[in-house]
Amino acid sequence: GIAEIVIGLLVCLGLLRKFVYPLQAAVLVIGALAI
């Protein structure tokens, strides 16, 4: 939960994009693939 909140807030801000955009994509794409 803490990791998702931190990643989500960093994505919203557009901060550390090189790292957080792929992390967000991994969470959302893996979540979609599972269903």
PDB file of all heavy atoms in Angstrom:
ATOM      1  N   GLY A   1       0.819  -1.211   0.000  1.00  0.00           N
ATOM      2  CA  GLY A   1       0.000   0.000   0.000  1.00  0.00           C
ATOM      3  C   GLY A   1       0.849   1.256   0.000  1.00  0.00           C
ATOM      4  O   GLY A   1       0.587   2.195  -0.759  1.00  0.00           O
ATOM      5  N   ILE A   2       1.870   1.273   0.840  1.00  0.00           N
ATOM      6  CA  ILE A   2       2.760   2.434   0.896  1.00  0.00           C
ATOM      7  C   ILE A   2       3.476   2.615  -0.445  1.00  0.00           C
ATOM      8  O   ILE A   2       3.577   3.729  -0.960  1.00  0.00           O
ATOM      9  CB  ILE A   2       3.771   2.289   2.056  1.00  0.00           C
ATOM     10  CG1 ILE A   2       3.036   2.406   3.398  1.00  0.00           C
ATOM     11  CG2 ILE A   2       4.887   3.324   1.955  1.00  0.00           C
ATOM     12  CD1 ILE A   2       3.869   2.011   4.604  1.00  0.00           C
ATOM     13  N   ALA A   3       3.955   1.508  -1.019  1.00  0.00           N
ATOM     14  CA  ALA A   3       4.648   1.587  -2.314  1.00  0.00           C
ATOM     15  C   ALA A   3       3.721   2.135  -3.397  1.00  0.00           C
ATOM     16  O   ALA A   3       4.116   2.993  -4.185  1.00  0.00           O
ATOM     17  CB  ALA A   3       5.184   0.213  -2.711  1.00  0.00           C
ATOM     18  N   GLU A   4       2.477   1.654  -3.435  1.00  0.00           N
ATOM     19  CA  GLU A   4       1.535   2.148  -4.441  1.00  0.00           C
ATOM     20  C   GLU A   4       1.237   3.631  -4.250  1.00  0.00           C
ATOM     21  O   GLU A   4       1.145   4.373  -5.232  1.00  0.00           O
ATOM     22  CB  GLU A   4       0.235   1.345  -4.401  1.00  0.00           C
ATOM     23  CG  GLU A   4       0.326   0.047  -5.138  1.00  0.00           C
ATOM     24  CD  GLU A   4      -1.004  -0.661  -5.255  1.00  0.00           C
ATOM     25  OE1 GLU A   4      -1.992  -0.269  -4.613  1.00  0.00           O
ATOM     26  OE2 GLU A   4      -1.051  -1.637  -6.025  1.00  0.00           O
ATOM     27  N   ILE A   5       1.105   4.064  -3.020  1.00  0.00           N
ATOM     28  CA  ILE A   5       0.839   5.481  -2.751  1.00  0.00           C
ATOM     29  C   ILE A   5       2.012   6.340  -3.202  1.00  0.00           C
ATOM     30  O   ILE A   5       1.833   7.360  -3.870  1.00  0.00           O
ATOM     31  CB  ILE A   5       0.510   5.710  -1.268  1.00  0.00           C
ATOM     32  CG1 ILE A   5      -0.849   5.093  -0.933  1.00  0.00           C
ATOM     33  CG2 ILE A   5       0.525   7.201  -0.916  1.00  0.00           C
ATOM     34  CD1 ILE A   5      -1.147   5.003   0.563  1.00  0.00           C
ATOM     35  N   VAL A   6       3.219   5.920  -2.867  1.00  0.00           N
ATOM     36  CA  VAL A   6       4.410   6.689  -3.250  1.00  0.00           C
ATOM     37  C   VAL A   6       4.546   6.734  -4.773  1.00  0.00           C
ATOM     38  O   VAL A   6       4.754   7.804  -5.355  1.00  0.00           O
ATOM     39  CB  VAL A   6       5.680   6.103  -2.588  1.00  0.00           C
ATOM     40  CG1 VAL A   6       6.945   6.707  -3.170  1.00  0.00           C
ATOM     41  CG2 VAL A   6       5.637   6.319  -1.076  1.00  0.00           C
ATOM     42  N   ILE A   7       4.427   5.583  -5.423  1.00  0.00           N
ATOM     43  CA  ILE A   7       4.523   5.554  -6.891  1.00  0.00           C
ATOM     44  C   ILE A   7       3.443   6.438  -7.505  1.00  0.00           C
ATOM     45  O   ILE A   7       3.720   7.241  -8.395  1.00  0.00           O
ATOM     46  CB  ILE A   7       4.428   4.111  -7.424  1.00  0.00           C
ATOM     47  CG1 ILE A   7       5.652   3.297  -7.006  1.00  0.00           C
ATOM     48  CG2 ILE A   7       4.279   4.099  -8.949  1.00  0.00           C
ATOM     49  CD1 ILE A   7       5.500   1.799  -7.216  1.00  0.00           C
ATOM     50  N   GLY A   8       2.222   6.313  -7.019  1.00  0.00           N
ATOM     51  CA  GLY A   8       1.119   7.096  -7.552  1.00  0.00           C
ATOM     52  C   GLY A   8       1.328   8.588  -7.395  1.00  0.00           C
ATOM     53  O   GLY A   8       1.086   9.364  -8.331  1.00  0.00           O
ATOM     54  N   LEU A   9       1.801   9.012  -6.235  1.00  0.00           N
ATOM     55  CA  LEU A   9       2.043  10.441  -6.018  1.00  0.00           C
ATOM     56  C   LEU A   9       3.173  10.956  -6.901  1.00  0.00           C
ATOM     57  O   LEU A   9       3.079  12.054  -7.455  1.00  0.00           O
ATOM     58  CB  LEU A   9       2.343  10.711  -4.543  1.00  0.00           C
ATOM     59  CG  LEU A   9       1.162  10.552  -3.586  1.00  0.00           C
ATOM     60  CD1 LEU A   9       1.621  10.712  -2.140  1.00  0.00           C
ATOM     61  CD2 LEU A   9       0.043  11.525  -3.922  1.00  0.00           C
ATOM     62  N   LEU A  10       4.233  10.168  -7.045  1.00  0.00           N
ATOM     63  CA  LEU A  10       5.344  10.577  -7.910  1.00  0.00           C
ATOM     64  C   LEU A  10       4.900  10.662  -9.370  1.00  0.00           C
ATOM     65  O   LEU A  10       5.318  11.562 -10.097  1.00  0.00           O
ATOM     66  CB  LEU A  10       6.533   9.633  -7.749  1.00  0.00           C
ATOM     67  CG  LEU A  10       7.275   9.735  -6.417  1.00  0.00           C
ATOM     68  CD1 LEU A  10       8.305   8.615  -6.275  1.00  0.00           C
ATOM     69  CD2 LEU A  10       7.928  11.094  -6.251  1.00  0.00           C
ATOM     70  N   VAL A  11       4.044   9.733  -9.797  1.00  0.00           N
ATOM     71  CA  VAL A  11       3.504   9.789 -11.162  1.00  0.00           C
ATOM     72  C   VAL A  11       2.681  11.059 -11.330  1.00  0.00           C
ATOM     73  O   VAL A  11       2.812  11.777 -12.322  1.00  0.00           O
ATOM     74  CB  VAL A  11       2.669   8.531 -11.479  1.00  0.00           C
ATOM     75  CG1 VAL A  11       1.833   8.729 -12.734  1.00  0.00           C
ATOM     76  CG2 VAL A  11       3.572   7.316 -11.635  1.00  0.00           C
ATOM     77  N   CYS A  12       1.815  11.354 -10.364  1.00  0.00           N
ATOM     78  CA  CYS A  12       0.983  12.562 -10.435  1.00  0.00           C
ATOM     79  C   CYS A  12       1.850  13.812 -10.583  1.00  0.00           C
ATOM     80  O   CYS A  12       1.525  14.719 -11.363  1.00  0.00           O
ATOM     81  CB  CYS A  12       0.103  12.692  -9.200  1.00  0.00           C
ATOM     82  SG  CYS A  12      -1.267  11.525  -9.149  1.00  0.00           S
ATOM     83  N   LEU A  13       2.937  13.861  -9.850  1.00  0.00           N
ATOM     84  CA  LEU A  13       3.833  15.017  -9.891  1.00  0.00           C
ATOM     85  C   LEU A  13       4.736  15.027 -11.124  1.00  0.00           C
ATOM     86  O   LEU A  13       5.254  16.074 -11.502  1.00  0.00           O
ATOM     87  CB  LEU A  13       4.701  15.056  -8.640  1.00  0.00           C
ATOM     88  CG  LEU A  13       3.978  15.293  -7.319  1.00  0.00           C
ATOM     89  CD1 LEU A  13       4.933  15.080  -6.157  1.00  0.00           C
ATOM     90  CD2 LEU A  13       3.367  16.679  -7.290  1.00  0.00           C
ATOM     91  N   GLY A  14       4.930  13.865 -11.725  1.00  0.00           N
ATOM     92  CA  GLY A  14       5.876  13.771 -12.829  1.00  0.00           C
ATOM     93  C   GLY A  14       7.305  13.885 -12.325  1.00  0.00           C
ATOM     94  O   GLY A  14       8.159  14.489 -12.964  1.00  0.00           O
ATOM     95  N   LEU A  15       7.553  13.280 -11.186  1.00  0.00           N
ATOM     96  CA  LEU A  15       8.871  13.343 -10.547  1.00  0.00           C
ATOM     97  C   LEU A  15       9.514  11.956 -10.581  1.00  0.00           C
ATOM     98  O   LEU A  15       8.852  10.956 -10.303  1.00  0.00           O
ATOM     99  CB  LEU A  15       8.722  13.831  -9.102  1.00  0.00           C
ATOM    100  CG  LEU A  15       9.990  14.148  -8.339  1.00  0.00           C
ATOM    101  CD1 LEU A  15      10.802  15.234  -9.042  1.00  0.00           C
ATOM    102  CD2 LEU A  15       9.643  14.611  -6.928  1.00  0.00           C
ATOM    103  N   LEU A  16      10.788  11.911 -10.933  1.00  0.00           N
ATOM    104  CA  LEU A  16      11.536  10.653 -11.079  1.00  0.00           C
ATOM    105  C   LEU A  16      10.882   9.755 -12.136  1.00  0.00           C
ATOM    106  O   LEU A  16      10.775   8.550 -11.989  1.00  0.00           O
ATOM    107  CB  LEU A  16      11.646   9.924  -9.740  1.00  0.00           C
ATOM    108  CG  LEU A  16      12.268  10.707  -8.584  1.00  0.00           C
ATOM    109  CD1 LEU A  16      12.191   9.915  -7.294  1.00  0.00           C
ATOM    110  CD2 LEU A  16      13.700  11.084  -8.898  1.00  0.00           C
ATOM    111  N   ARG A  17      10.451  10.374 -13.221  1.00  0.00           N
ATOM    112  CA  ARG A  17       9.681   9.694 -14.253  1.00  0.00           C
ATOM    113  C   ARG A  17      10.385   8.479 -14.841  1.00  0.00           C
ATOM    114  O   ARG A  17       9.739   7.483 -15.167  1.00  0.00           O
ATOM    115  CB  ARG A  17       9.327  10.668 -15.380  1.00  0.00           C
ATOM    116  CG  ARG A  17       8.411  11.782 -14.927  1.00  0.00           C
ATOM    117  CD  ARG A  17       8.136  12.790 -16.008  1.00  0.00           C
ATOM    118  NE  ARG A  17       9.362  13.384 -16.520  1.00  0.00           N
ATOM    119  CZ  ARG A  17       9.537  13.786 -17.778  1.00  0.00           C
ATOM    120  NH1 ARG A  17       8.570  13.687 -18.643  1.00  0.00           N
ATOM    121  NH2 ARG A  17      10.680  14.317 -18.150  1.00  0.00           N
ATOM    122  N   LYS A  18      11.688   8.559 -14.976  1.00  0.00           N
ATOM    123  CA  LYS A  18      12.448   7.447 -15.561  1.00  0.00           C
ATOM    124  C   LYS A  18      12.217   6.151 -14.771  1.00  0.00           C
ATOM    125  O   LYS A  18      12.240   5.058 -15.341  1.00  0.00           O
ATOM    126  CB  LYS A  18      13.936   7.798 -15.571  1.00  0.00           C
ATOM    127  CG  LYS A  18      14.836   6.736 -16.137  1.00  0.00           C
ATOM    128  CD  LYS A  18      16.281   7.190 -16.128  1.00  0.00           C
ATOM    129  CE  LYS A  18      17.205   6.166 -16.716  1.00  0.00           C
ATOM    130  NZ  LYS A  18      18.595   6.621 -16.725  1.00  0.00           N
ATOM    131  N   PHE A  19      11.983   6.280 -13.492  1.00  0.00           N
ATOM    132  CA  PHE A  19      11.812   5.113 -12.622  1.00  0.00           C
ATOM    133  C   PHE A  19      10.346   4.795 -12.341  1.00  0.00           C
ATOM    134  O   PHE A  19       9.953   3.630 -12.362  1.00  0.00           O
ATOM    135  CB  PHE A  19      12.561   5.337 -11.299  1.00  0.00           C
ATOM    136  CG  PHE A  19      13.989   5.697 -11.490  1.00  0.00           C
ATOM    137  CD1 PHE A  19      14.428   6.993 -11.269  1.00  0.00           C
ATOM    138  CD2 PHE A  19      14.913   4.753 -11.918  1.00  0.00           C
ATOM    139  CE1 PHE A  19      15.754   7.340 -11.466  1.00  0.00           C
ATOM    140  CE2 PHE A  19      16.248   5.094 -12.116  1.00  0.00           C
ATOM    141  CZ  PHE A  19      16.673   6.395 -11.890  1.00  0.00           C
ATOM    142  N   VAL A  20       9.558   5.831 -12.048  1.00  0.00           N
ATOM    143  CA  VAL A  20       8.189   5.564 -11.595  1.00  0.00           C
ATOM    144  C   VAL A  20       7.214   5.249 -12.724  1.00  0.00           C
ATOM    145  O   VAL A  20       6.259   4.507 -12.501  1.00  0.00           O
ATOM    146  CB  VAL A  20       7.634   6.682 -10.682  1.00  0.00           C
ATOM    147  CG1 VAL A  20       8.458   6.805  -9.420  1.00  0.00           C
ATOM    148  CG2 VAL A  20       7.511   7.997 -11.393  1.00  0.00           C
ATOM    149  N   TYR A  21       7.446   5.767 -13.920  1.00  0.00           N
ATOM    150  CA  TYR A  21       6.533   5.426 -15.016  1.00  0.00           C
ATOM    151  C   TYR A  21       6.582   3.928 -15.327  1.00  0.00           C
ATOM    152  O   TYR A  21       5.536   3.292 -15.456  1.00  0.00           O
ATOM    153  CB  TYR A  21       6.824   6.248 -16.262  1.00  0.00           C
ATOM    154  CG  TYR A  21       6.406   7.702 -16.196  1.00  0.00           C
ATOM    155  CD1 TYR A  21       5.884   8.280 -15.054  1.00  0.00           C
ATOM    156  CD2 TYR A  21       6.556   8.525 -17.293  1.00  0.00           C
ATOM    157  CE1 TYR A  21       5.507   9.620 -15.002  1.00  0.00           C
ATOM    158  CE2 TYR A  21       6.181   9.863 -17.269  1.00  0.00           C
ATOM    159  CZ  TYR A  21       5.661  10.402 -16.120  1.00  0.00           C
ATOM    160  OH  TYR A  21       5.302  11.721 -16.082  1.00  0.00           O
ATOM    161  N   PRO A  22       7.773   3.326 -15.452  1.00  0.00           N
ATOM    162  CA  PRO A  22       7.799   1.865 -15.664  1.00  0.00           C
ATOM    163  C   PRO A  22       7.239   1.077 -14.473  1.00  0.00           C
ATOM    164  O   PRO A  22       6.608   0.036 -14.674  1.00  0.00           O
ATOM    165  CB  PRO A  22       9.284   1.557 -15.872  1.00  0.00           C
ATOM    166  CG  PRO A  22       9.881   2.836 -16.341  1.00  0.00           C
ATOM    167  CD  PRO A  22       9.107   3.918 -15.631  1.00  0.00           C
ATOM    168  N   LEU A  23       7.459   1.574 -13.257  1.00  0.00           N
ATOM    169  CA  LEU A  23       6.886   0.882 -12.094  1.00  0.00           C
ATOM    170  C   LEU A  23       5.366   0.918 -12.144  1.00  0.00           C
ATOM    171  O   LEU A  23       4.695  -0.096 -11.896  1.00  0.00           O
ATOM    172  CB  LEU A  23       7.381   1.512 -10.790  1.00  0.00           C
ATOM    173  CG  LEU A  23       8.824   1.240 -10.407  1.00  0.00           C
ATOM    174  CD1 LEU A  23       9.224   2.062  -9.184  1.00  0.00           C
ATOM    175  CD2 LEU A  23       9.024  -0.241 -10.146  1.00  0.00           C
ATOM    176  N   GLN A  24       4.824   2.090 -12.454  1.00  0.00           N
ATOM    177  CA  GLN A  24       3.374   2.189 -12.568  1.00  0.00           C
ATOM    178  C   GLN A  24       2.862   1.267 -13.672  1.00  0.00           C
ATOM    179  O   GLN A  24       1.878   0.550 -13.488  1.00  0.00           O
ATOM    180  CB  GLN A  24       2.935   3.622 -12.878  1.00  0.00           C
ATOM    181  CG  GLN A  24       1.443   3.709 -13.149  1.00  0.00           C
ATOM    182  CD  GLN A  24       0.983   5.072 -13.565  1.00  0.00           C
ATOM    183  OE1 GLN A  24       0.276   5.702 -12.808  1.00  0.00           O
ATOM    184  NE2 GLN A  24       1.356   5.529 -14.745  1.00  0.00           N
ATOM    185  N   ALA A  25       3.531   1.277 -14.819  1.00  0.00           N
ATOM    186  CA  ALA A  25       3.113   0.418 -15.926  1.00  0.00           C
ATOM    187  C   ALA A  25       3.160  -1.050 -15.515  1.00  0.00           C
ATOM    188  O   ALA A  25       2.247  -1.816 -15.843  1.00  0.00           O
ATOM    189  CB  ALA A  25       3.983   0.670 -17.156  1.00  0.00           C
ATOM    190  N   ALA A  26       4.189  -1.439 -14.805  1.00  0.00           N
ATOM    191  CA  ALA A  26       4.296  -2.836 -14.364  1.00  0.00           C
ATOM    192  C   ALA A  26       3.108  -3.207 -13.473  1.00  0.00           C
ATOM    193  O   ALA A  26       2.486  -4.260 -13.666  1.00  0.00           O
ATOM    194  CB  ALA A  26       5.613  -3.057 -13.621  1.00  0.00           C
ATOM    195  N   VAL A  27       2.785  -2.355 -12.513  1.00  0.00           N
ATOM    196  CA  VAL A  27       1.662  -2.632 -11.617  1.00  0.00           C
ATOM    197  C   VAL A  27       0.362  -2.748 -12.410  1.00  0.00           C
ATOM    198  O   VAL A  27      -0.409  -3.701 -12.240  1.00  0.00           O
ATOM    199  CB  VAL A  27       1.539  -1.537 -10.529  1.00  0.00           C
ATOM    200  CG1 VAL A  27       0.242  -1.676  -9.754  1.00  0.00           C
ATOM    201  CG2 VAL A  27       2.732  -1.568  -9.586  1.00  0.00           C
ATOM    202  N   LEU A  28       0.109  -1.792 -13.285  1.00  0.00           N
ATOM    203  CA  LEU A  28      -1.173  -1.758 -13.994  1.00  0.00           C
ATOM    204  C   LEU A  28      -1.265  -2.808 -15.100  1.00  0.00           C
ATOM    205  O   LEU A  28      -2.330  -3.411 -15.297  1.00  0.00           O
ATOM    206  CB  LEU A  28      -1.423  -0.354 -14.553  1.00  0.00           C
ATOM    207  CG  LEU A  28      -1.586   0.731 -13.478  1.00  0.00           C
ATOM    208  CD1 LEU A  28      -1.724   2.106 -14.118  1.00  0.00           C
ATOM    209  CD2 LEU A  28      -2.762   0.430 -12.563  1.00  0.00           C
ATOM    210  N   VAL A  29      -0.174  -3.063 -15.809  1.00  0.00           N
ATOM    211  CA  VAL A  29      -0.204  -4.071 -16.876  1.00  0.00           C
ATOM    212  C   VAL A  29      -0.279  -5.475 -16.278  1.00  0.00           C
ATOM    213  O   VAL A  29      -1.078  -6.309 -16.728  1.00  0.00           O
ATOM    214  CB  VAL A  29       1.011  -3.923 -17.820  1.00  0.00           C
ATOM    215  CG1 VAL A  29       1.139  -5.112 -18.761  1.00  0.00           C
ATOM    216  CG2 VAL A  29       0.894  -2.624 -18.612  1.00  0.00           C
ATOM    217  N   ILE A  30       0.505  -5.754 -15.252  1.00  0.00           N
ATOM    218  CA  ILE A  30       0.441  -7.075 -14.611  1.00  0.00           C
ATOM    219  C   ILE A  30      -0.943  -7.292 -14.008  1.00  0.00           C
ATOM    220  O   ILE A  30      -1.514  -8.385 -14.107  1.00  0.00           O
ATOM    221  CB  ILE A  30       1.560  -7.230 -13.558  1.00  0.00           C
ATOM    222  CG1 ILE A  30       2.916  -7.322 -14.261  1.00  0.00           C
ATOM    223  CG2 ILE A  30       1.321  -8.452 -12.679  1.00  0.00           C
ATOM    224  CD1 ILE A  30       4.114  -7.200 -13.339  1.00  0.00           C
ATOM    225  N   GLY A  31      -1.488  -6.246 -13.401  1.00  0.00           N
ATOM    226  CA  GLY A  31      -2.841  -6.350 -12.854  1.00  0.00           C
ATOM    227  C   GLY A  31      -3.867  -6.667 -13.933  1.00  0.00           C
ATOM    228  O   GLY A  31      -4.766  -7.487 -13.732  1.00  0.00           O
ATOM    229  N   ALA A  32      -3.735  -6.044 -15.090  1.00  0.00           N
ATOM    230  CA  ALA A  32      -4.664  -6.299 -16.190  1.00  0.00           C
ATOM    231  C   ALA A  32      -4.456  -7.702 -16.771  1.00  0.00           C
ATOM    232  O   ALA A  32      -5.429  -8.391 -17.101  1.00  0.00           O
ATOM    233  CB  ALA A  32      -4.508  -5.239 -17.276  1.00  0.00           C
ATOM    234  N   LEU A  33      -3.209  -8.122 -16.899  1.00  0.00           N
ATOM    235  CA  LEU A  33      -2.939  -9.455 -17.446  1.00  0.00           C
ATOM    236  C   LEU A  33      -3.511 -10.553 -16.558  1.00  0.00           C
ATOM    237  O   LEU A  33      -3.952 -11.590 -17.049  1.00  0.00           O
ATOM    238  CB  LEU A  33      -1.436  -9.659 -17.642  1.00  0.00           C
ATOM    239  CG  LEU A  33      -0.794  -8.877 -18.777  1.00  0.00           C
ATOM    240  CD1 LEU A  33       0.717  -9.064 -18.774  1.00  0.00           C
ATOM    241  CD2 LEU A  33      -1.387  -9.283 -20.122  1.00  0.00           C
ATOM    242  N   ALA A  34      -3.520 -10.313 -15.265  1.00  0.00           N
ATOM    243  CA  ALA A  34      -4.027 -11.317 -14.334  1.00  0.00           C
ATOM    244  C   ALA A  34      -5.536 -11.528 -14.486  1.00  0.00           C
ATOM    245  O   ALA A  34      -6.048 -12.585 -14.105  1.00  0.00           O
ATOM    246  CB  ALA A  34      -3.689 -10.925 -12.901  1.00  0.00           C
ATOM    247  N   ILE A  35      -6.221 -10.548 -15.031  1.00  0.00           N
ATOM    248  CA  ILE A  35      -7.673 -10.678 -15.221  1.00  0.00           C
ATOM    249  C   ILE A  35      -8.025 -10.649 -16.712  1.00  0.00           C
ATOM    250  O   ILE A  35      -9.083 -10.168 -17.112  1.00  0.00           O
ATOM    251  CB  ILE A  35      -8.444  -9.597 -14.431  1.00  0.00           C
ATOM    252  CG1 ILE A  35      -7.951  -8.196 -14.796  1.00  0.00           C
ATOM    253  CG2 ILE A  35      -8.348  -9.842 -12.941  1.00  0.00           C
ATOM    254  CD1 ILE A  35      -8.769  -7.062 -14.229  1.00  0.00           C
TER     255      ILE A  35
END
